[in-house]
Amino acid sequence: MSKLILAIIFNNDAVDPLSQALLTKEYSVTKISSIGGFLRRQNTTFVIGVEAARLPDALTLIREVCSPYTRPEGHAATIFVVDVAEFAQA
C-alpha cells in the first residue's frame, strides 16, 4: 500500500536541503508554502508519495535533515503519514 507523508517544516534553514535530499533519493515531492500554529509563522509543507517499503527511509531522511533544532519554539517538523487507497496521475 502507498503512503502519503505530510511534513510541515518549521525550520526554514532545512527546506532547501530537505528538498534536495528527497529529490536525490528519487522521492516524488511537492512543496507548499503554509502558515500555521499559535505564532502564525511561515512554514513549508512537503507532500511526499512513497511505497510502504520506502517509508522508514523517507522518515529517517526527514528527521536527519531537520535536526538538530535548538530554537526555543520547539520542534523542526511535524510529520503525518496517511494510507493511500488509490494513486493516479492524469
N, C-alpha and C. Protein backbone atom coordinates (compact mmCIF):
# COMPACT_ATOMS: atom_id res chain seq x y z
N MET A 1 0.84 -1.18 0.00
CA MET A 1 0.00 0.00 0.00
C MET A 1 0.88 1.24 0.00
N SER A 2 0.47 2.23 -0.72
CA SER A 2 1.20 3.50 -0.77
C SER A 2 0.90 4.34 0.46
N LYS A 3 1.81 5.25 0.76
CA LYS A 3 1.66 6.16 1.89
C LYS A 3 1.83 7.59 1.40
N LEU A 4 1.23 8.50 2.10
CA LEU A 4 1.38 9.92 1.83
C LEU A 4 1.97 10.56 3.08
N ILE A 5 3.10 11.20 2.92
CA ILE A 5 3.75 11.89 4.03
C ILE A 5 3.45 13.38 3.87
N LEU A 6 2.94 13.98 4.93
CA LEU A 6 2.79 15.43 5.01
C LEU A 6 3.76 15.89 6.08
N ALA A 7 4.82 16.56 5.66
CA ALA A 7 5.85 17.02 6.59
C ALA A 7 5.82 18.53 6.63
N ILE A 8 5.41 19.08 7.76
CA ILE A 8 5.34 20.53 7.93
C ILE A 8 6.66 20.95 8.57
N ILE A 9 7.44 21.71 7.81
CA ILE A 9 8.79 22.08 8.23
C ILE A 9 8.76 23.51 8.77
N PHE A 10 9.15 23.66 10.03
CA PHE A 10 9.15 24.97 10.68
C PHE A 10 10.49 25.68 10.53
N ASN A 11 11.54 24.92 10.31
CA ASN A 11 12.88 25.47 10.22
C ASN A 11 13.18 25.81 8.77
N ASN A 12 13.11 27.08 8.42
CA ASN A 12 13.34 27.49 7.03
C ASN A 12 14.73 27.12 6.53
N ASP A 13 15.69 26.97 7.44
CA ASP A 13 17.04 26.58 7.05
C ASP A 13 17.09 25.15 6.51
N ALA A 14 16.09 24.34 6.81
CA ALA A 14 16.08 22.93 6.39
C ALA A 14 15.34 22.71 5.08
N VAL A 15 14.60 23.70 4.59
CA VAL A 15 13.72 23.50 3.43
C VAL A 15 14.51 23.10 2.18
N ASP A 16 15.50 23.88 1.79
CA ASP A 16 16.26 23.55 0.58
C ASP A 16 17.06 22.26 0.73
N PRO A 17 17.78 22.05 1.84
CA PRO A 17 18.49 20.78 1.99
C PRO A 17 17.56 19.57 1.97
N LEU A 18 16.38 19.69 2.57
CA LEU A 18 15.44 18.57 2.57
C LEU A 18 14.93 18.32 1.16
N SER A 19 14.59 19.36 0.46
CA SER A 19 14.12 19.22 -0.91
C SER A 19 15.16 18.51 -1.77
N GLN A 20 16.41 18.93 -1.67
CA GLN A 20 17.48 18.32 -2.45
C GLN A 20 17.72 16.86 -2.05
N ALA A 21 17.67 16.58 -0.75
CA ALA A 21 17.89 15.20 -0.28
C ALA A 21 16.79 14.27 -0.78
N LEU A 22 15.55 14.73 -0.75
CA LEU A 22 14.44 13.91 -1.23
C LEU A 22 14.53 13.66 -2.73
N LEU A 23 14.87 14.69 -3.49
CA LEU A 23 15.00 14.53 -4.94
C LEU A 23 16.18 13.64 -5.30
N THR A 24 17.27 13.75 -4.55
CA THR A 24 18.44 12.90 -4.79
C THR A 24 18.09 11.42 -4.62
N LYS A 25 17.24 11.13 -3.65
CA LYS A 25 16.81 9.74 -3.41
C LYS A 25 15.59 9.36 -4.24
N GLU A 26 15.22 10.22 -5.19
CA GLU A 26 14.15 9.97 -6.15
C GLU A 26 12.76 9.80 -5.54
N TYR A 27 12.48 10.62 -4.54
CA TYR A 27 11.12 10.70 -4.00
C TYR A 27 10.35 11.74 -4.79
N SER A 28 9.08 11.49 -5.02
CA SER A 28 8.20 12.49 -5.63
C SER A 28 7.76 13.43 -4.53
N VAL A 29 8.04 14.71 -4.71
CA VAL A 29 7.77 15.66 -3.64
C VAL A 29 7.17 16.95 -4.21
N THR A 30 6.23 17.50 -3.46
CA THR A 30 5.65 18.80 -3.77
C THR A 30 5.82 19.68 -2.54
N LYS A 31 6.29 20.92 -2.73
CA LYS A 31 6.44 21.87 -1.64
C LYS A 31 5.31 22.88 -1.70
N ILE A 32 4.71 23.15 -0.54
CA ILE A 32 3.62 24.11 -0.45
C ILE A 32 3.94 25.09 0.68
N SER A 33 3.88 26.37 0.38
CA SER A 33 4.07 27.38 1.40
C SER A 33 2.83 27.39 2.29
N SER A 34 3.05 27.42 3.61
CA SER A 34 1.92 27.37 4.54
C SER A 34 2.19 28.24 5.75
N ILE A 35 1.13 28.60 6.43
CA ILE A 35 1.21 29.39 7.67
C ILE A 35 0.35 28.69 8.70
N GLY A 36 0.85 28.62 9.92
CA GLY A 36 0.02 27.98 10.92
C GLY A 36 0.64 28.03 12.30
N GLY A 37 -0.05 27.40 13.22
CA GLY A 37 0.42 27.33 14.58
C GLY A 37 0.02 28.55 15.38
N PHE A 38 0.32 28.49 16.64
CA PHE A 38 -0.02 29.55 17.57
C PHE A 38 0.63 30.87 17.19
N LEU A 39 1.88 30.81 16.72
CA LEU A 39 2.61 32.04 16.38
C LEU A 39 2.36 32.49 14.94
N ARG A 40 1.55 31.75 14.18
CA ARG A 40 1.21 32.08 12.80
C ARG A 40 2.47 32.26 11.95
N ARG A 41 3.45 31.43 12.16
CA ARG A 41 4.71 31.57 11.44
C ARG A 41 4.68 30.88 10.09
N GLN A 42 5.57 31.31 9.22
CA GLN A 42 5.70 30.75 7.88
C GLN A 42 6.31 29.35 7.96
N ASN A 43 5.71 28.41 7.27
CA ASN A 43 6.19 27.04 7.21
C ASN A 43 6.27 26.60 5.76
N THR A 44 6.83 25.44 5.54
CA THR A 44 6.78 24.79 4.24
C THR A 44 6.25 23.39 4.47
N THR A 45 5.23 23.00 3.72
CA THR A 45 4.67 21.66 3.83
C THR A 45 5.13 20.85 2.62
N PHE A 46 5.75 19.71 2.91
CA PHE A 46 6.17 18.78 1.87
C PHE A 46 5.11 17.69 1.75
N VAL A 47 4.68 17.41 0.54
CA VAL A 47 3.74 16.33 0.25
C VAL A 47 4.55 15.29 -0.52
N ILE A 48 4.69 14.10 0.08
CA ILE A 48 5.58 13.08 -0.47
C ILE A 48 4.82 11.77 -0.60
N GLY A 49 4.75 11.23 -1.80
CA GLY A 49 4.15 9.93 -2.01
C GLY A 49 5.22 8.85 -2.00
N VAL A 50 5.02 7.80 -1.21
CA VAL A 50 6.02 6.72 -1.12
C VAL A 50 5.32 5.36 -1.05
N GLU A 51 6.04 4.35 -1.50
CA GLU A 51 5.59 2.99 -1.27
C GLU A 51 5.88 2.64 0.18
N ALA A 52 5.11 1.77 0.77
CA ALA A 52 5.26 1.42 2.18
C ALA A 52 6.67 0.96 2.52
N ALA A 53 7.30 0.25 1.61
CA ALA A 53 8.65 -0.26 1.86
C ALA A 53 9.68 0.86 1.99
N ARG A 54 9.44 2.00 1.37
CA ARG A 54 10.38 3.13 1.41
C ARG A 54 10.05 4.13 2.53
N LEU A 55 8.96 3.91 3.24
CA LEU A 55 8.54 4.85 4.29
C LEU A 55 9.60 5.05 5.38
N PRO A 56 10.17 3.99 5.96
CA PRO A 56 11.17 4.21 7.01
C PRO A 56 12.36 5.05 6.55
N ASP A 57 12.83 4.82 5.32
CA ASP A 57 13.95 5.59 4.79
C ASP A 57 13.57 7.06 4.63
N ALA A 58 12.38 7.32 4.12
CA ALA A 58 11.93 8.70 3.94
C ALA A 58 11.82 9.43 5.28
N LEU A 59 11.26 8.77 6.28
CA LEU A 59 11.12 9.39 7.60
C LEU A 59 12.48 9.66 8.24
N THR A 60 13.40 8.71 8.09
CA THR A 60 14.75 8.90 8.62
C THR A 60 15.42 10.09 7.94
N LEU A 61 15.28 10.20 6.64
CA LEU A 61 15.85 11.32 5.89
C LEU A 61 15.30 12.66 6.38
N ILE A 62 14.00 12.74 6.55
CA ILE A 62 13.37 13.98 7.04
C ILE A 62 13.90 14.33 8.42
N ARG A 63 13.95 13.35 9.30
CA ARG A 63 14.42 13.61 10.68
C ARG A 63 15.88 14.04 10.71
N GLU A 64 16.71 13.42 9.88
CA GLU A 64 18.13 13.77 9.87
C GLU A 64 18.36 15.18 9.34
N VAL A 65 17.68 15.54 8.26
CA VAL A 65 17.89 16.86 7.67
C VAL A 65 17.31 17.96 8.55
N CYS A 66 16.21 17.69 9.23
CA CYS A 66 15.54 18.72 10.03
C CYS A 66 16.06 18.86 11.44
N SER A 67 16.99 18.05 11.86
CA SER A 67 17.50 18.18 13.21
C SER A 67 19.01 18.38 13.16
N PRO A 68 19.64 18.88 14.15
CA PRO A 68 19.02 19.28 15.42
C PRO A 68 18.33 20.64 15.30
N TYR A 69 17.33 20.81 16.11
CA TYR A 69 16.58 22.07 16.14
C TYR A 69 16.69 22.61 17.55
N THR A 70 17.37 23.71 17.71
CA THR A 70 17.66 24.22 19.05
C THR A 70 16.94 25.51 19.40
N ARG A 71 16.05 25.96 18.53
CA ARG A 71 15.34 27.19 18.84
C ARG A 71 14.30 26.95 19.94
N PRO A 72 13.98 27.99 20.71
CA PRO A 72 13.04 27.82 21.82
C PRO A 72 11.62 27.50 21.40
N GLU A 73 11.26 27.75 20.13
CA GLU A 73 9.89 27.47 19.69
C GLU A 73 9.55 25.99 19.70
N GLY A 74 10.56 25.13 19.68
CA GLY A 74 10.28 23.70 19.73
C GLY A 74 10.82 22.93 18.56
N HIS A 75 10.04 22.03 18.02
CA HIS A 75 10.45 21.05 17.02
C HIS A 75 10.62 21.67 15.63
N ALA A 76 11.35 20.95 14.78
CA ALA A 76 11.64 21.44 13.43
C ALA A 76 10.61 20.98 12.42
N ALA A 77 9.89 19.92 12.73
CA ALA A 77 8.92 19.39 11.76
C ALA A 77 7.80 18.65 12.48
N THR A 78 6.64 18.67 11.85
CA THR A 78 5.53 17.80 12.26
C THR A 78 5.25 16.92 11.06
N ILE A 79 5.20 15.60 11.29
CA ILE A 79 5.09 14.65 10.19
C ILE A 79 3.82 13.82 10.36
N PHE A 80 3.01 13.78 9.31
CA PHE A 80 1.83 12.93 9.26
C PHE A 80 2.04 11.88 8.19
N VAL A 81 1.64 10.65 8.46
CA VAL A 81 1.69 9.58 7.45
C VAL A 81 0.29 9.03 7.30
N VAL A 82 -0.20 9.02 6.05
CA VAL A 82 -1.57 8.62 5.76
C VAL A 82 -1.55 7.48 4.75
N ASP A 83 -2.40 6.48 4.96
CA ASP A 83 -2.56 5.41 3.98
C ASP A 83 -3.23 5.97 2.73
N VAL A 84 -2.79 5.51 1.58
CA VAL A 84 -3.36 5.95 0.31
C VAL A 84 -4.08 4.74 -0.31
N ALA A 85 -5.38 4.87 -0.47
CA ALA A 85 -6.17 3.79 -1.04
C ALA A 85 -5.95 3.66 -2.53
N GLU A 86 -5.75 4.79 -3.20
CA GLU A 86 -5.57 4.78 -4.65
C GLU A 86 -4.69 5.94 -5.05
N PHE A 87 -3.86 5.72 -6.06
CA PHE A 87 -2.99 6.75 -6.58
C PHE A 87 -3.10 6.76 -8.10
N ALA A 88 -3.30 7.93 -8.68
CA ALA A 88 -3.41 8.02 -10.13
C ALA A 88 -2.82 9.34 -10.58
N GLN A 89 -2.21 9.35 -11.77
CA GLN A 89 -1.73 10.57 -12.36
C GLN A 89 -2.48 10.78 -13.67
N ALA A 90 -2.93 12.01 -13.90
CA ALA A 90 -3.68 12.29 -15.12
C ALA A 90 -2.96 13.30 -15.97
